[in-house]
Amino acid sequence: MELWVIMLLVLAVMVGLAGWAGVAALQRRLLTGRQDRWRALEGRFNQVTLDADRYERSPDDALAAPGWLDRSSPVVRGFSSTLKRAQKDRAELERSVGRAPGRAGREIGSGSQVPASGLNPTEQDLQEFELLVERLEDAYRDTDRAVRSVGWTRPGTLHVPHPQFLLDPRWGRSAVLPRLGSLEQASAARSVKEFLDAAYPLRRETALKALRERSGGAGHAYRAQKALEQLIQTRRYSADRHGFLWPGSTVVEHWGVYRTFGRDADVSIQDIPPVEVANALWALLPADRGMPDEELLELAQQHLALTAGFTSGLTQSLNDGIARGLKSLPEGVQRTINGAVPHGVFLPTSAPKIRQLLSEGLHEGLVTGRLQRQPDGLVRRLRSGWPSTYRR
């Protein structure tokens, strides 16, 4: 065989080996990167567990937040259940993750954990784990705030309408939007999530508008929009059938919160979800009797501070003035105009929107089992109470 042929074959083999070695090195780097991210998520998960346990191990921490030791508290019991579910979900996720090269023969026993170096997580696995961790962190944050706001309670005593009043400080308060944190490259995602955590439920378009209005620096509005899209893509936030965004950790069926929407509120009428109106209707209904639709909706309109406002009152006055002026016209002309403009609404007002919003809330309450219509036509509470938490 010619020498040049032999040299060409040797060169081809060397190039092939170098290419294989390069691919293998790249794969190892990618695997190491994914394992590092998995290890960081493990650290966050374990930190929540340690934070919850330290009250039983540390007398100083127990005195600072003694409510954590009161196992009769529904919010503490609710978090305990959430933590157990999260631990179970974590074990199931680890069992589904592929093994790293050289670790394929290892099995995960019930309740045991494999070090990150023994796993080969995919991007999907990492997204699932991050969602699980954030749900647990959300639950712990809510519970810790609730415990610290109550202090040391007697067993079974909360002095609030229901436990969720403690979990969400917005319960029954004006719907205002928070400030937006830093939108620098490293902090944009967390700032947008913290904003939404304090502002939800919001329509996606409303959330984008609010983020843009609060974005000051160059490129900040774009970062905020990308961060919101990423939150939705990774299912850390999702939209319901009405188009409202909710955290991935929130079970809307168990959510019993409502806000008010007076003049100091930042949320307009079209941005109030029907389920929030349904929650308000449930809270307004007496526990032992029903109410007719008109009475209940009128009470809700006053309680939620849903007013047409000054401009709507001015519009109504103009409508009334036009209607009075029509009376001076010939009867045939009056009939023609009244036929073209029913109910004398020559200029539109927000009153029909308010009525529609309340009616949709009533319907939502009946559909979701919050409310029930009795044979006598009255609306009553269907459920007698609310879960101690609305977190998954």
Protein backbone atom coordinates (compact mmCIF):
# COMPACT_ATOMS: atom_id res chain seq x y z
CA MET A 1 0.00 0.00 0.00
CA GLU A 2 1.28 3.40 -0.85
CA LEU A 3 2.71 5.41 2.02
CA TRP A 4 0.46 8.39 1.35
CA VAL A 5 -2.59 6.16 1.61
CA ILE A 6 -1.45 4.85 4.96
CA MET A 7 -0.82 8.40 6.20
CA LEU A 8 -4.26 9.47 4.99
CA LEU A 9 -5.91 6.58 6.88
CA VAL A 10 -3.98 7.40 10.03
CA LEU A 11 -4.99 11.07 9.72
CA ALA A 12 -8.62 10.10 9.24
CA VAL A 13 -8.51 7.91 12.36
CA MET A 14 -6.91 10.69 14.38
CA VAL A 15 -9.49 13.20 13.21
CA GLY A 16 -12.28 10.77 14.05
CA LEU A 17 -10.87 10.13 17.54
CA ALA A 18 -10.43 13.86 18.13
CA GLY A 19 -13.99 14.52 17.01
CA TRP A 20 -15.33 11.76 19.23
CA ALA A 21 -13.31 13.06 22.16
CA GLY A 22 -14.61 16.58 21.52
CA VAL A 23 -18.23 15.42 21.39
CA ALA A 24 -17.72 13.36 24.55
CA ALA A 25 -16.18 16.35 26.33
CA LEU A 26 -19.05 18.59 25.24
CA GLN A 27 -21.59 16.05 26.43
CA ARG A 28 -19.81 15.80 29.79
CA ARG A 29 -19.84 19.59 30.18
CA LEU A 30 -23.53 19.75 29.34
CA LEU A 31 -24.26 16.91 31.75
CA THR A 32 -22.23 18.60 34.48
CA GLY A 33 -24.12 21.85 33.89
CA ARG A 34 -27.50 20.12 34.19
CA GLN A 35 -26.33 18.27 37.30
CA ASP A 36 -25.20 21.57 38.86
CA ARG A 37 -28.62 23.08 38.19
CA TRP A 38 -30.30 20.01 39.67
CA ARG A 39 -28.03 20.27 42.73
CA ALA A 40 -28.99 23.94 43.18
CA LEU A 41 -32.69 23.04 43.08
CA GLU A 42 -32.06 20.30 45.63
CA GLY A 43 -30.46 22.93 47.85
CA ARG A 44 -33.50 25.19 47.60
CA PHE A 45 -35.87 22.29 48.33
CA ASN A 46 -33.82 21.17 51.32
CA GLN A 47 -33.59 24.74 52.62
CA VAL A 48 -37.37 25.00 52.88
CA THR A 49 -37.44 21.72 54.80
CA LEU A 50 -34.72 22.97 57.17
CA ASP A 51 -36.48 26.31 57.66
CA ALA A 52 -39.70 24.54 58.59
CA ASP A 53 -37.95 22.11 60.96
CA ARG A 54 -35.73 24.61 62.75
CA TYR A 55 -38.60 25.86 64.93
CA GLU A 56 -38.77 22.47 66.64
CA ARG A 57 -34.97 22.24 67.00
CA SER A 58 -34.11 25.81 67.99
CA PRO A 59 -35.66 27.41 71.13
CA ASP A 60 -34.73 30.90 69.90
CA ASP A 61 -36.49 30.38 66.56
CA ALA A 62 -39.48 28.84 68.34
CA LEU A 63 -39.85 31.92 70.54
CA ALA A 64 -39.58 34.18 67.47
CA ALA A 65 -42.43 32.37 65.69
CA PRO A 66 -44.20 30.10 68.22
CA GLY A 67 -47.18 29.60 65.92
CA TRP A 68 -45.14 27.04 63.97
CA LEU A 69 -45.35 24.71 66.99
CA ASP A 70 -49.14 24.95 67.17
CA ARG A 71 -50.15 21.91 65.14
CA SER A 72 -53.81 22.77 65.71
CA SER A 73 -53.35 25.77 63.39
CA PRO A 74 -54.94 24.98 60.01
CA VAL A 75 -52.27 26.92 58.11
CA VAL A 76 -49.47 24.90 59.74
CA ARG A 77 -51.28 21.64 59.04
CA GLY A 78 -51.90 22.77 55.47
CA PHE A 79 -48.20 23.42 54.90
CA SER A 80 -47.30 20.08 56.46
CA SER A 81 -49.53 18.34 53.91
CA THR A 82 -48.03 20.42 51.09
CA LEU A 83 -44.50 19.47 52.18
CA LYS A 84 -45.35 15.77 52.28
CA ARG A 85 -46.83 15.93 48.77
CA ALA A 86 -43.77 17.80 47.52
CA GLN A 87 -41.43 15.19 48.99
CA LYS A 88 -43.44 12.43 47.35
CA ASP A 89 -43.46 14.26 44.00
CA ARG A 90 -39.70 14.80 44.25
CA ALA A 91 -39.08 11.09 44.84
CA GLU A 92 -41.28 10.20 41.86
CA LEU A 93 -39.47 12.72 39.67
CA GLU A 94 -36.07 11.33 40.67
CA ARG A 95 -37.22 7.82 39.82
CA SER A 96 -38.18 9.00 36.34
CA VAL A 97 -34.86 10.75 35.65
CA GLY A 98 -32.31 8.81 33.61
CA ARG A 99 -29.06 7.68 35.19
CA ALA A 100 -25.74 9.26 34.37
CA PRO A 101 -23.27 7.15 32.37
CA GLY A 102 -21.84 4.45 34.64
CA ARG A 103 -24.80 4.74 37.08
CA ALA A 104 -27.43 2.90 35.04
CA GLY A 105 -27.53 -0.06 37.39
CA ARG A 106 -28.44 1.94 40.49
CA GLU A 107 -32.03 1.95 41.67
CA ILE A 108 -33.78 4.42 43.93
CA GLY A 109 -35.54 2.88 46.86
CA SER A 110 -38.70 4.22 48.44
CA GLY A 111 -37.97 7.59 50.00
CA SER A 112 -34.25 7.51 49.15
CA GLN A 113 -32.42 10.09 47.06
CA VAL A 114 -29.69 9.70 44.46
CA PRO A 115 -26.95 12.38 44.42
CA ALA A 116 -27.08 14.76 41.48
CA SER A 117 -23.86 13.20 40.17
CA GLY A 118 -25.77 9.96 39.61
CA LEU A 119 -28.54 11.53 37.52
CA ASN A 120 -28.78 12.60 33.89
CA PRO A 121 -31.63 15.13 33.99
CA THR A 122 -33.08 16.56 30.80
CA GLU A 123 -34.21 20.16 30.38
CA GLN A 124 -37.77 18.95 30.89
CA ASP A 125 -36.76 17.24 34.14
CA LEU A 126 -35.16 20.46 35.35
CA GLN A 127 -38.27 22.47 34.50
CA GLU A 128 -40.44 19.99 36.41
CA PHE A 129 -38.15 20.15 39.44
CA GLU A 130 -38.00 23.96 39.37
CA LEU A 131 -41.80 24.15 39.24
CA LEU A 132 -42.03 21.77 42.19
CA VAL A 133 -39.50 23.78 44.20
CA GLU A 134 -41.21 27.10 43.50
CA ARG A 135 -44.57 25.68 44.55
CA LEU A 136 -43.07 24.59 47.85
CA GLU A 137 -41.34 27.95 48.36
CA ASP A 138 -44.63 29.78 47.68
CA ALA A 139 -46.43 27.63 50.24
CA TYR A 140 -43.74 28.15 52.87
CA ARG A 141 -43.68 31.92 52.28
CA ASP A 142 -47.45 32.17 52.72
CA THR A 143 -47.49 29.98 55.83
CA ASP A 144 -44.58 31.75 57.52
CA ARG A 145 -46.21 35.13 56.97
CA ALA A 146 -49.51 33.82 58.34
CA VAL A 147 -47.88 32.29 61.41
CA ARG A 148 -45.95 35.44 62.23
CA SER A 149 -49.03 37.63 61.81
CA VAL A 150 -50.97 35.59 64.36
CA GLY A 151 -48.28 34.88 66.94
CA TRP A 152 -49.13 32.38 69.66
CA THR A 153 -52.72 31.26 69.21
CA ARG A 154 -54.93 29.14 71.35
CA PRO A 155 -55.75 25.79 69.73
CA GLY A 156 -58.21 26.28 66.91
CA THR A 157 -58.46 30.06 67.33
CA LEU A 158 -57.75 32.38 64.39
CA HIS A 159 -60.27 35.23 64.62
CA VAL A 160 -60.42 35.59 60.85
CA PRO A 161 -63.15 34.72 58.32
CA HIS A 162 -61.17 31.69 57.17
CA PRO A 163 -57.48 30.64 57.16
CA GLN A 164 -56.81 32.08 53.72
CA PHE A 165 -57.21 35.54 55.20
CA LEU A 166 -53.80 34.91 56.77
CA LEU A 167 -52.23 33.33 53.70
CA ASP A 168 -53.03 36.24 51.38
CA PRO A 169 -52.85 39.73 52.94
CA ARG A 170 -54.91 41.14 50.05
CA TRP A 171 -58.06 39.39 51.35
CA GLY A 172 -60.83 41.99 51.35
CA ARG A 173 -58.45 44.88 50.60
CA SER A 174 -58.17 47.25 47.67
CA ALA A 175 -56.74 45.76 44.45
CA VAL A 176 -53.53 47.72 44.03
CA LEU A 177 -50.52 46.69 41.95
CA PRO A 178 -47.07 46.53 43.60
CA ARG A 179 -43.85 48.16 42.54
CA LEU A 180 -41.61 46.30 40.12
CA GLY A 181 -38.12 45.34 41.23
CA SER A 182 -34.89 45.52 39.28
CA LEU A 183 -35.00 44.47 35.63
CA GLU A 184 -31.28 44.00 35.20
CA GLN A 185 -30.31 40.88 33.29
CA ALA A 186 -29.67 38.77 36.40
CA SER A 187 -32.78 39.83 38.33
CA ALA A 188 -35.50 40.39 35.70
CA ALA A 189 -37.07 36.92 35.95
CA ARG A 190 -37.33 37.00 39.74
CA SER A 191 -38.62 40.59 39.78
CA VAL A 192 -41.39 39.81 37.29
CA LYS A 193 -42.41 36.70 39.24
CA GLU A 194 -42.50 38.64 42.52
CA PHE A 195 -44.64 41.31 40.82
CA LEU A 196 -47.12 38.74 39.52
CA ASP A 197 -47.16 36.88 42.85
CA ALA A 198 -48.44 40.07 44.48
CA ALA A 199 -50.78 41.11 41.64
CA TYR A 200 -52.47 37.96 40.30
CA PRO A 201 -54.98 37.21 38.90
CA LEU A 202 -54.43 39.51 35.92
CA ARG A 203 -55.12 39.21 32.23
CA ARG A 204 -51.96 38.63 30.22
CA GLU A 205 -52.42 41.89 28.31
CA THR A 206 -52.96 43.82 31.54
CA ALA A 207 -49.87 42.26 33.09
CA LEU A 208 -47.77 43.21 30.05
CA LYS A 209 -49.09 46.77 30.13
CA ALA A 210 -48.36 47.11 33.85
CA LEU A 211 -44.84 45.73 33.41
CA ARG A 212 -44.12 48.11 30.52
CA GLU A 213 -45.37 51.10 32.53
CA ARG A 214 -43.06 50.17 35.41
CA SER A 215 -40.00 49.50 33.22
CA GLY A 216 -37.67 52.48 33.21
CA GLY A 217 -34.29 51.58 31.72
CA ALA A 218 -33.22 50.76 28.20
CA GLY A 219 -34.32 47.28 27.23
CA HIS A 220 -36.14 46.74 30.52
CA ALA A 221 -39.59 46.47 28.97
CA TYR A 222 -38.31 43.79 26.59
CA ARG A 223 -36.73 41.86 29.48
CA ALA A 224 -39.96 42.05 31.45
CA GLN A 225 -41.96 40.73 28.50
CA LYS A 226 -39.48 37.88 27.92
CA ALA A 227 -39.54 37.01 31.62
CA LEU A 228 -43.35 36.84 31.58
CA GLU A 229 -43.31 34.63 28.49
CA GLN A 230 -40.77 32.35 30.19
CA LEU A 231 -42.94 32.05 33.29
CA ILE A 232 -45.86 30.93 31.12
CA GLN A 233 -43.75 28.62 28.97
CA THR A 234 -42.38 26.80 32.02
CA ARG A 235 -45.90 26.58 33.55
CA ARG A 236 -44.92 28.62 36.59
CA TYR A 237 -47.88 30.76 35.51
CA SER A 238 -50.85 29.65 33.44
CA ALA A 239 -54.03 31.19 32.06
CA ASP A 240 -57.50 29.97 32.97
CA ARG A 241 -60.44 29.71 30.55
CA HIS A 242 -61.20 33.41 31.07
CA GLY A 243 -57.65 34.47 30.20
CA PHE A 244 -56.46 35.33 33.72
CA LEU A 245 -52.94 34.39 34.83
CA TRP A 246 -52.46 32.27 37.96
CA PRO A 247 -49.34 30.91 39.69
CA GLY A 248 -48.61 27.26 38.99
CA SER A 249 -48.75 26.64 42.76
CA THR A 250 -52.33 27.93 43.12
CA VAL A 251 -55.37 25.67 42.93
CA VAL A 252 -58.03 28.09 41.71
CA GLU A 253 -60.80 25.79 42.94
CA HIS A 254 -59.47 26.19 46.49
CA TRP A 255 -58.75 29.92 46.23
CA GLY A 256 -61.18 31.89 48.41
CA VAL A 257 -59.65 35.37 48.21
CA TYR A 258 -61.27 38.53 46.88
CA ARG A 259 -60.24 42.18 46.70
CA THR A 260 -62.19 45.44 46.45
CA PHE A 261 -62.12 47.79 43.47
CA GLY A 262 -62.85 51.33 44.58
CA ARG A 263 -61.30 54.54 43.29
CA ASP A 264 -57.94 53.78 44.90
CA ALA A 265 -57.70 50.40 43.12
CA ASP A 266 -55.31 49.88 40.19
CA VAL A 267 -57.41 47.11 38.63
CA SER A 268 -60.25 48.10 36.31
CA ILE A 269 -63.63 46.43 35.97
CA GLN A 270 -62.72 44.36 32.93
CA ASP A 271 -59.76 42.88 34.85
CA ILE A 272 -61.79 41.31 37.67
CA PRO A 273 -62.02 37.50 37.26
CA PRO A 274 -65.45 35.92 37.76
CA VAL A 275 -64.07 33.55 40.41
CA GLU A 276 -63.06 36.53 42.55
CA VAL A 277 -66.60 37.91 42.39
CA ALA A 278 -67.88 34.44 43.28
CA ASN A 279 -65.65 34.39 46.36
CA ALA A 280 -67.05 37.75 47.45
CA LEU A 281 -70.62 36.50 46.96
CA TRP A 282 -69.83 33.47 49.15
CA ALA A 283 -68.40 35.69 51.88
CA LEU A 284 -71.42 38.03 51.77
CA LEU A 285 -74.03 35.29 51.99
CA PRO A 286 -75.24 34.42 55.50
CA ALA A 287 -74.35 30.87 56.51
CA ASP A 288 -77.94 29.98 57.44
CA ARG A 289 -80.11 31.49 54.72
CA GLY A 290 -80.25 32.40 51.04
CA MET A 291 -80.74 35.65 49.19
CA PRO A 292 -82.45 36.59 45.91
CA ASP A 293 -80.19 37.45 42.98
CA GLU A 294 -80.96 41.15 42.91
CA GLU A 295 -80.35 41.67 46.62
CA LEU A 296 -77.12 39.66 46.58
CA LEU A 297 -75.69 41.38 43.50
CA GLU A 298 -76.59 44.83 44.82
CA LEU A 299 -74.85 44.01 48.10
CA ALA A 300 -71.79 42.73 46.21
CA GLN A 301 -71.61 45.88 44.08
CA GLN A 302 -71.48 48.01 47.21
CA HIS A 303 -69.05 45.73 49.06
CA LEU A 304 -66.62 45.43 46.15
CA ALA A 305 -66.88 49.21 45.61
CA LEU A 306 -67.89 48.70 41.99
CA THR A 307 -69.14 52.17 41.12
CA ALA A 308 -69.78 53.73 37.78
CA GLY A 309 -67.77 56.79 38.82
CA PHE A 310 -68.22 60.51 38.15
CA THR A 311 -68.00 60.30 34.37
CA SER A 312 -70.64 57.62 34.28
CA GLY A 313 -72.93 59.78 36.42
CA LEU A 314 -72.40 62.67 34.04
CA THR A 315 -73.19 60.39 31.10
CA GLN A 316 -76.39 59.26 32.79
CA SER A 317 -77.41 62.87 33.33
CA LEU A 318 -76.83 63.59 29.64
CA ASN A 319 -78.93 60.56 28.69
CA ASP A 320 -81.73 61.79 30.95
CA GLY A 321 -81.50 65.27 29.42
CA ILE A 322 -81.69 63.91 25.88
CA ALA A 323 -84.69 61.77 26.85
CA ARG A 324 -86.50 64.81 28.24
CA GLY A 325 -85.73 66.80 25.09
CA LEU A 326 -87.26 64.06 22.93
CA LYS A 327 -90.63 64.63 24.54
CA SER A 328 -90.93 67.94 22.66
CA LEU A 329 -90.63 66.17 19.29
CA PRO A 330 -93.57 64.73 17.31
CA GLU A 331 -94.80 61.35 18.58
CA GLY A 332 -93.76 59.53 15.40
CA VAL A 333 -90.23 60.85 15.67
CA GLN A 334 -90.11 59.80 19.32
CA ARG A 335 -91.12 56.25 18.43
CA THR A 336 -88.48 56.05 15.70
CA ILE A 337 -85.69 57.30 17.97
CA ASN A 338 -86.74 55.15 20.93
CA GLY A 339 -86.82 52.12 18.64
CA ALA A 340 -83.29 52.82 17.46
CA VAL A 341 -81.98 53.62 20.98
CA PRO A 342 -83.59 51.19 23.46
CA HIS A 343 -83.85 52.13 27.15
CA GLY A 344 -82.74 55.68 26.40
CA VAL A 345 -79.02 54.83 26.41
CA PHE A 346 -77.85 57.41 23.89
CA LEU A 347 -74.36 57.51 25.42
CA PRO A 348 -72.83 54.29 26.82
CA THR A 349 -72.20 53.93 30.57
CA SER A 350 -70.22 51.42 32.64
CA ALA A 351 -73.31 50.26 34.53
CA PRO A 352 -74.02 47.37 32.09
CA LYS A 353 -70.40 46.20 32.47
CA ILE A 354 -70.75 46.10 36.23
CA ARG A 355 -74.00 44.18 35.95
CA GLN A 356 -72.47 41.71 33.52
CA LEU A 357 -69.43 41.24 35.77
CA LEU A 358 -71.60 40.47 38.79
CA SER A 359 -73.80 38.08 36.80
CA GLU A 360 -70.72 36.23 35.51
CA GLY A 361 -69.45 35.96 39.08
CA LEU A 362 -72.75 34.49 40.22
CA HIS A 363 -72.67 31.97 37.38
CA GLU A 364 -69.06 31.07 38.21
CA GLY A 365 -70.02 30.49 41.83
CA LEU A 366 -72.81 28.13 40.83
CA VAL A 367 -70.62 26.25 38.32
CA THR A 368 -67.67 25.81 40.66
CA GLY A 369 -69.72 24.68 43.65
CA ARG A 370 -69.18 27.76 45.75
CA LEU A 371 -72.87 28.64 45.56
CA GLN A 372 -76.13 26.79 45.05
CA ARG A 373 -79.56 27.85 43.83
CA GLN A 374 -82.34 26.45 46.01
CA PRO A 375 -85.78 25.30 44.70
CA ASP A 376 -87.23 28.57 46.03
CA GLY A 377 -84.86 30.48 43.72
CA LEU A 378 -82.66 31.86 46.49
CA VAL A 379 -78.88 31.59 46.29
CA ARG A 380 -77.13 29.94 49.22
CA ARG A 381 -73.63 28.82 50.12
CA LEU A 382 -72.92 25.32 48.88
CA ARG A 383 -69.56 24.73 50.55
CA SER A 384 -69.45 25.32 54.29
CA GLY A 385 -65.81 26.41 54.47
CA TRP A 386 -62.49 26.68 52.67
CA PRO A 387 -59.32 24.57 52.70
CA SER A 388 -56.53 25.77 54.96
CA THR A 389 -54.41 26.44 51.85
CA TYR A 390 -54.88 26.94 48.13
CA ARG A 391 -51.38 25.75 47.24
CA ARG A 392 -50.70 22.48 45.48
